[in-house]
Amino acid sequence: MKLIHVLGEEVYRDLMKWEDEYENCGIAYEYTRDGSPYGLLAKAVDKSDVVIAEKVVYGKYPIRPWLEAFGAQLDDWANQLKEQGITPDQYNVGYTSCPRESLFE
């Protein structure tokens, strides 16, 4: 399941544009605070782990399946790096990152 399908193309493109504004930050995803099954909260986090911006978007479909799959993919990727002896401070300024095309588009 790709994020573009869960959110819909217009909302997805808007979110990617917002993320591009914070290219020097890590982006964290969470469920929205309002409890909506369709809501996704994106946070731009700086190198000091300070949230400097947030954006809430609502998709066409429930976000939980995508968020769970994305989290599992990040965990798997981080474990692969760990097995290679690579620590978080050695890549992407301490942020776990994965190929953008994975679960996004």
N, C-alpha and C. Protein backbone atom coordinates (compact mmCIF):
# COMPACT_ATOMS: atom_id res chain seq x y z
N MET A 1 0.85 -1.18 0.00
CA MET A 1 0.00 0.00 0.00
C MET A 1 0.90 1.24 0.00
N LYS A 2 0.66 2.12 -0.91
CA LYS A 2 1.46 3.34 -1.04
C LYS A 2 0.72 4.52 -0.42
N LEU A 3 1.48 5.46 0.12
CA LEU A 3 0.89 6.63 0.77
C LEU A 3 0.04 7.43 -0.21
N ILE A 4 0.47 7.51 -1.45
CA ILE A 4 -0.27 8.28 -2.45
C ILE A 4 -1.69 7.71 -2.62
N HIS A 5 -1.84 6.39 -2.49
CA HIS A 5 -3.17 5.78 -2.62
C HIS A 5 -4.02 6.02 -1.39
N VAL A 6 -3.39 5.99 -0.22
CA VAL A 6 -4.12 6.19 1.04
C VAL A 6 -4.62 7.62 1.15
N LEU A 7 -3.76 8.58 0.80
CA LEU A 7 -4.13 9.99 0.94
C LEU A 7 -4.91 10.52 -0.25
N GLY A 8 -4.64 10.01 -1.42
CA GLY A 8 -5.15 10.63 -2.64
C GLY A 8 -4.04 11.51 -3.20
N GLU A 9 -4.00 11.63 -4.50
CA GLU A 9 -2.87 12.32 -5.14
C GLU A 9 -2.72 13.77 -4.72
N GLU A 10 -3.81 14.52 -4.66
CA GLU A 10 -3.71 15.94 -4.33
C GLU A 10 -3.16 16.16 -2.92
N VAL A 11 -3.68 15.43 -1.96
CA VAL A 11 -3.21 15.56 -0.57
C VAL A 11 -1.77 15.09 -0.46
N TYR A 12 -1.45 14.00 -1.13
CA TYR A 12 -0.09 13.47 -1.12
C TYR A 12 0.90 14.50 -1.67
N ARG A 13 0.59 15.07 -2.81
CA ARG A 13 1.49 16.07 -3.42
C ARG A 13 1.67 17.28 -2.50
N ASP A 14 0.60 17.70 -1.84
CA ASP A 14 0.68 18.81 -0.90
C ASP A 14 1.61 18.45 0.27
N LEU A 15 1.50 17.24 0.78
CA LEU A 15 2.36 16.79 1.87
C LEU A 15 3.82 16.74 1.43
N MET A 16 4.08 16.22 0.24
CA MET A 16 5.46 16.15 -0.25
C MET A 16 6.05 17.55 -0.45
N LYS A 17 5.23 18.49 -0.90
CA LYS A 17 5.68 19.87 -1.06
C LYS A 17 6.05 20.45 0.30
N TRP A 18 5.22 20.19 1.32
CA TRP A 18 5.51 20.65 2.68
C TRP A 18 6.81 20.03 3.18
N GLU A 19 6.99 18.72 2.97
CA GLU A 19 8.21 18.06 3.42
C GLU A 19 9.44 18.66 2.75
N ASP A 20 9.34 19.01 1.49
CA ASP A 20 10.47 19.60 0.78
C ASP A 20 10.91 20.92 1.40
N GLU A 21 9.99 21.63 2.03
CA GLU A 21 10.33 22.88 2.71
C GLU A 21 11.23 22.63 3.93
N TYR A 22 11.21 21.40 4.43
CA TYR A 22 11.99 21.03 5.61
C TYR A 22 13.00 19.94 5.28
N GLU A 23 13.67 20.11 4.14
CA GLU A 23 14.58 19.08 3.66
C GLU A 23 15.77 18.82 4.58
N ASN A 24 16.10 19.75 5.46
CA ASN A 24 17.21 19.55 6.39
C ASN A 24 16.75 18.96 7.72
N CYS A 25 15.52 18.52 7.77
CA CYS A 25 14.95 17.95 8.99
C CYS A 25 14.57 16.49 8.76
N GLY A 26 14.39 15.79 9.85
CA GLY A 26 13.79 14.46 9.78
C GLY A 26 12.28 14.64 9.80
N ILE A 27 11.57 13.76 9.16
CA ILE A 27 10.11 13.82 9.15
C ILE A 27 9.58 12.61 9.92
N ALA A 28 8.76 12.88 10.91
CA ALA A 28 8.14 11.82 11.70
C ALA A 28 6.65 11.79 11.40
N TYR A 29 6.08 10.60 11.39
CA TYR A 29 4.64 10.44 11.13
C TYR A 29 3.97 9.83 12.35
N GLU A 30 2.78 10.33 12.65
CA GLU A 30 1.99 9.82 13.76
C GLU A 30 0.52 9.88 13.37
N TYR A 31 -0.31 9.26 14.21
CA TYR A 31 -1.75 9.42 14.06
C TYR A 31 -2.11 10.83 14.51
N THR A 32 -3.17 11.39 13.95
CA THR A 32 -3.60 12.71 14.39
C THR A 32 -4.16 12.64 15.80
N ARG A 33 -4.09 13.75 16.49
CA ARG A 33 -4.55 13.83 17.88
C ARG A 33 -6.07 13.76 18.00
N ASP A 34 -6.78 14.03 16.90
CA ASP A 34 -8.24 14.02 16.96
C ASP A 34 -8.84 12.62 16.87
N GLY A 35 -7.99 11.62 16.69
CA GLY A 35 -8.46 10.24 16.66
C GLY A 35 -9.07 9.80 15.34
N SER A 36 -9.04 10.64 14.33
CA SER A 36 -9.60 10.26 13.03
C SER A 36 -8.79 9.12 12.43
N PRO A 37 -9.44 8.08 11.94
CA PRO A 37 -8.70 6.99 11.31
C PRO A 37 -8.08 7.40 9.97
N TYR A 38 -8.48 8.54 9.45
CA TYR A 38 -7.98 9.02 8.16
C TYR A 38 -6.87 10.07 8.30
N GLY A 39 -6.57 10.46 9.54
CA GLY A 39 -5.63 11.55 9.77
C GLY A 39 -4.20 11.11 9.95
N LEU A 40 -3.29 11.89 9.36
CA LEU A 40 -1.85 11.67 9.49
C LEU A 40 -1.22 12.98 9.95
N LEU A 41 -0.42 12.91 11.00
CA LEU A 41 0.31 14.07 11.51
C LEU A 41 1.76 13.91 11.09
N ALA A 42 2.27 14.86 10.34
CA ALA A 42 3.68 14.86 9.94
C ALA A 42 4.39 15.94 10.76
N LYS A 43 5.56 15.60 11.27
CA LYS A 43 6.34 16.54 12.08
C LYS A 43 7.73 16.69 11.47
N ALA A 44 8.16 17.94 11.32
CA ALA A 44 9.53 18.22 10.90
C ALA A 44 10.36 18.38 12.18
N VAL A 45 11.39 17.54 12.31
CA VAL A 45 12.20 17.50 13.52
C VAL A 45 13.63 17.89 13.16
N ASP A 46 14.18 18.88 13.88
CA ASP A 46 15.54 19.32 13.57
C ASP A 46 16.58 18.40 14.21
N LYS A 47 17.85 18.72 14.01
CA LYS A 47 18.95 17.88 14.48
C LYS A 47 19.01 17.77 16.00
N SER A 48 18.35 18.69 16.70
CA SER A 48 18.31 18.65 18.16
C SER A 48 17.07 17.93 18.67
N ASP A 49 16.36 17.26 17.78
CA ASP A 49 15.11 16.55 18.10
C ASP A 49 14.00 17.48 18.55
N VAL A 50 14.01 18.70 18.04
CA VAL A 50 12.97 19.67 18.33
C VAL A 50 12.01 19.71 17.14
N VAL A 51 10.72 19.60 17.43
CA VAL A 51 9.71 19.69 16.37
C VAL A 51 9.58 21.16 15.99
N ILE A 52 9.87 21.47 14.73
CA ILE A 52 9.81 22.86 14.29
C ILE A 52 8.57 23.17 13.46
N ALA A 53 7.90 22.13 12.98
CA ALA A 53 6.67 22.35 12.20
C ALA A 53 5.86 21.06 12.20
N GLU A 54 4.55 21.22 12.08
CA GLU A 54 3.65 20.09 11.98
C GLU A 54 2.64 20.33 10.87
N LYS A 55 2.20 19.26 10.27
CA LYS A 55 1.16 19.35 9.24
C LYS A 55 0.23 18.16 9.41
N VAL A 56 -1.06 18.42 9.40
CA VAL A 56 -2.07 17.37 9.48
C VAL A 56 -2.74 17.25 8.12
N VAL A 57 -2.85 16.01 7.65
CA VAL A 57 -3.56 15.74 6.40
C VAL A 57 -4.54 14.60 6.64
N TYR A 58 -5.58 14.56 5.83
CA TYR A 58 -6.58 13.50 5.93
C TYR A 58 -6.68 12.80 4.59
N GLY A 59 -6.65 11.49 4.63
CA GLY A 59 -6.67 10.70 3.42
C GLY A 59 -8.04 10.20 3.03
N LYS A 60 -8.06 9.49 1.92
CA LYS A 60 -9.29 8.87 1.42
C LYS A 60 -9.58 7.57 2.15
N TYR A 61 -8.52 6.95 2.69
CA TYR A 61 -8.64 5.65 3.36
C TYR A 61 -7.98 5.73 4.74
N PRO A 62 -8.29 4.82 5.64
CA PRO A 62 -7.66 4.82 6.96
C PRO A 62 -6.13 4.74 6.86
N ILE A 63 -5.46 5.48 7.71
CA ILE A 63 -4.00 5.62 7.66
C ILE A 63 -3.27 4.50 8.41
N ARG A 64 -3.94 3.85 9.36
CA ARG A 64 -3.26 2.86 10.21
C ARG A 64 -2.49 1.78 9.44
N PRO A 65 -3.08 1.12 8.43
CA PRO A 65 -2.32 0.07 7.72
C PRO A 65 -1.03 0.60 7.09
N TRP A 66 -1.10 1.79 6.50
CA TRP A 66 0.11 2.35 5.89
C TRP A 66 1.13 2.70 6.96
N LEU A 67 0.70 3.34 8.03
CA LEU A 67 1.62 3.77 9.08
C LEU A 67 2.30 2.56 9.73
N GLU A 68 1.56 1.49 9.94
CA GLU A 68 2.15 0.27 10.51
C GLU A 68 3.17 -0.35 9.54
N ALA A 69 2.84 -0.40 8.26
CA ALA A 69 3.76 -0.95 7.26
C ALA A 69 5.00 -0.08 7.13
N PHE A 70 4.83 1.23 7.17
CA PHE A 70 5.96 2.15 7.07
C PHE A 70 6.88 1.99 8.27
N GLY A 71 6.30 1.91 9.46
CA GLY A 71 7.11 1.71 10.66
C GLY A 71 7.89 0.41 10.61
N ALA A 72 7.26 -0.65 10.14
CA ALA A 72 7.94 -1.94 10.02
C ALA A 72 9.08 -1.86 9.01
N GLN A 73 8.86 -1.14 7.92
CA GLN A 73 9.91 -0.99 6.91
C GLN A 73 11.09 -0.21 7.48
N LEU A 74 10.82 0.85 8.22
CA LEU A 74 11.90 1.61 8.84
C LEU A 74 12.67 0.76 9.84
N ASP A 75 11.96 -0.02 10.64
CA ASP A 75 12.62 -0.90 11.60
C ASP A 75 13.52 -1.90 10.90
N ASP A 76 13.02 -2.48 9.81
CA ASP A 76 13.80 -3.45 9.05
C ASP A 76 15.05 -2.80 8.47
N TRP A 77 14.89 -1.61 7.92
CA TRP A 77 16.01 -0.90 7.31
C TRP A 77 17.05 -0.54 8.38
N ALA A 78 16.60 -0.07 9.54
CA ALA A 78 17.52 0.27 10.63
C ALA A 78 18.26 -0.98 11.11
N ASN A 79 17.56 -2.11 11.18
CA ASN A 79 18.21 -3.36 11.60
C ASN A 79 19.27 -3.80 10.59
N GLN A 80 19.00 -3.61 9.31
CA GLN A 80 19.99 -3.96 8.29
C GLN A 80 21.25 -3.11 8.45
N LEU A 81 21.06 -1.82 8.72
CA LEU A 81 22.22 -0.96 8.93
C LEU A 81 22.99 -1.37 10.18
N LYS A 82 22.25 -1.69 11.24
CA LYS A 82 22.88 -2.11 12.49
C LYS A 82 23.71 -3.37 12.28
N GLU A 83 23.17 -4.32 11.52
CA GLU A 83 23.90 -5.55 11.22
C GLU A 83 25.20 -5.28 10.47
N GLN A 84 25.24 -4.18 9.73
CA GLN A 84 26.43 -3.80 8.99
C GLN A 84 27.38 -2.96 9.84
N GLY A 85 26.99 -2.71 11.09
CA GLY A 85 27.83 -1.91 11.98
C GLY A 85 27.67 -0.42 11.80
N ILE A 86 26.61 -0.01 11.15
CA ILE A 86 26.36 1.42 10.91
C ILE A 86 25.42 1.92 11.99
N THR A 87 25.82 2.98 12.68
CA THR A 87 25.01 3.55 13.75
C THR A 87 24.25 4.76 13.23
N PRO A 88 23.16 5.15 13.92
CA PRO A 88 22.36 6.29 13.45
C PRO A 88 23.16 7.58 13.26
N ASP A 89 24.21 7.79 14.04
CA ASP A 89 24.97 9.03 13.88
C ASP A 89 25.90 8.99 12.66
N GLN A 90 25.94 7.87 11.97
CA GLN A 90 26.78 7.75 10.79
C GLN A 90 26.03 7.94 9.48
N TYR A 91 24.73 8.09 9.54
CA TYR A 91 23.96 8.27 8.31
C TYR A 91 22.89 9.33 8.49
N ASN A 92 22.69 10.09 7.47
CA ASN A 92 21.61 11.08 7.40
C ASN A 92 21.46 11.91 8.67
N VAL A 93 22.58 12.36 9.22
CA VAL A 93 22.62 13.22 10.40
C VAL A 93 21.79 12.63 11.54
N GLY A 94 21.87 11.32 11.71
CA GLY A 94 21.21 10.69 12.84
C GLY A 94 19.78 10.27 12.63
N TYR A 95 19.23 10.52 11.47
CA TYR A 95 17.85 10.13 11.22
C TYR A 95 17.79 8.87 10.38
N THR A 96 16.92 7.96 10.74
CA THR A 96 16.70 6.79 9.90
C THR A 96 15.93 7.26 8.67
N SER A 97 16.37 6.84 7.55
CA SER A 97 15.75 7.24 6.30
C SER A 97 15.70 6.01 5.40
N CYS A 98 14.81 6.01 4.47
CA CYS A 98 14.75 4.90 3.53
C CYS A 98 14.45 5.47 2.16
N PRO A 99 14.62 4.69 1.12
CA PRO A 99 14.35 5.21 -0.21
C PRO A 99 12.93 5.77 -0.31
N ARG A 100 12.81 6.97 -0.81
CA ARG A 100 11.53 7.67 -0.84
C ARG A 100 10.47 6.89 -1.62
N GLU A 101 10.88 6.16 -2.63
CA GLU A 101 9.89 5.47 -3.46
C GLU A 101 9.25 4.27 -2.77
N SER A 102 9.80 3.83 -1.68
CA SER A 102 9.33 2.62 -1.01
C SER A 102 7.82 2.58 -0.81
N LEU A 103 7.31 3.16 0.25
CA LEU A 103 5.87 3.11 0.52
C LEU A 103 5.17 4.43 0.20
N PHE A 104 5.88 5.33 -0.45
CA PHE A 104 5.28 6.62 -0.74
C PHE A 104 4.53 6.61 -2.06
N GLU A 105 5.25 6.38 -3.15
CA GLU A 105 4.61 6.40 -4.47
C GLU A 105 4.64 5.05 -5.10
